[in-house]
Amino acid sequence: HSGTRYRDAVPVLLDWLPKITDRKAKGEIVRALSVPWAKPAATMPLIDQFRQVDASIDPTGTGLRWTIGNALEVLFDDANFDELVELAEDRHYGKARQMVVLGLGKSKRPEAVEVLLRLVDDPDVDGHAIKALGKLKAPGARTAFEVKLDDRRAWVRNEAKKALAKLAG
């Protein structure tokens, strides 16, 4: 939070990341790696950590795994597109995928739209898929945006409205 760029600490943090077993300490390391200057070095280790989180300690997918997914959104780039899509589409990760899905909205790959359109029907990540499609200004998503205008969640309806406005503008 100091505003200091701690590039030299990134390799040390990455060295400790797999060694730490305390969830809170690991979460703090993940947050410290959730900075643009940690890429590309931190991306694959964080993908590995995302996969390794014990579901019994994070059954809802809103704890450590979600925090790692948030870091992956910050670090998103197309160099690890396939691995990130694999995480985004694997439903057994539940809500922890939300920010990984949102990260797909930063992609320059045309396949990102197809992936996100498949995720619009996944209740754990549908709103994040709509938001990501809106970032991509994907004209092929118009129908998905229109359907979500009737969603029971206000934030999803708002994201759908914003996305439709981007298509119109």
Foldseek 3Di string as FASTA:
>chain_A
DPPDDDLVCLVVLLVCLVVDDDLVVNLVSLVVCLAQSSPPVCQVSLLVVLVPPDCVVVVQLPGSSLSSLQSCLSNDECVCVVSLLVLLPPCNSFLSNQSSLLSLLVYPDPCSLVSLVVCCPPVSHNLSSLLSCLSNLPPVCLVSLVVQCPPPDPSSVVSSVSSVVSVVD
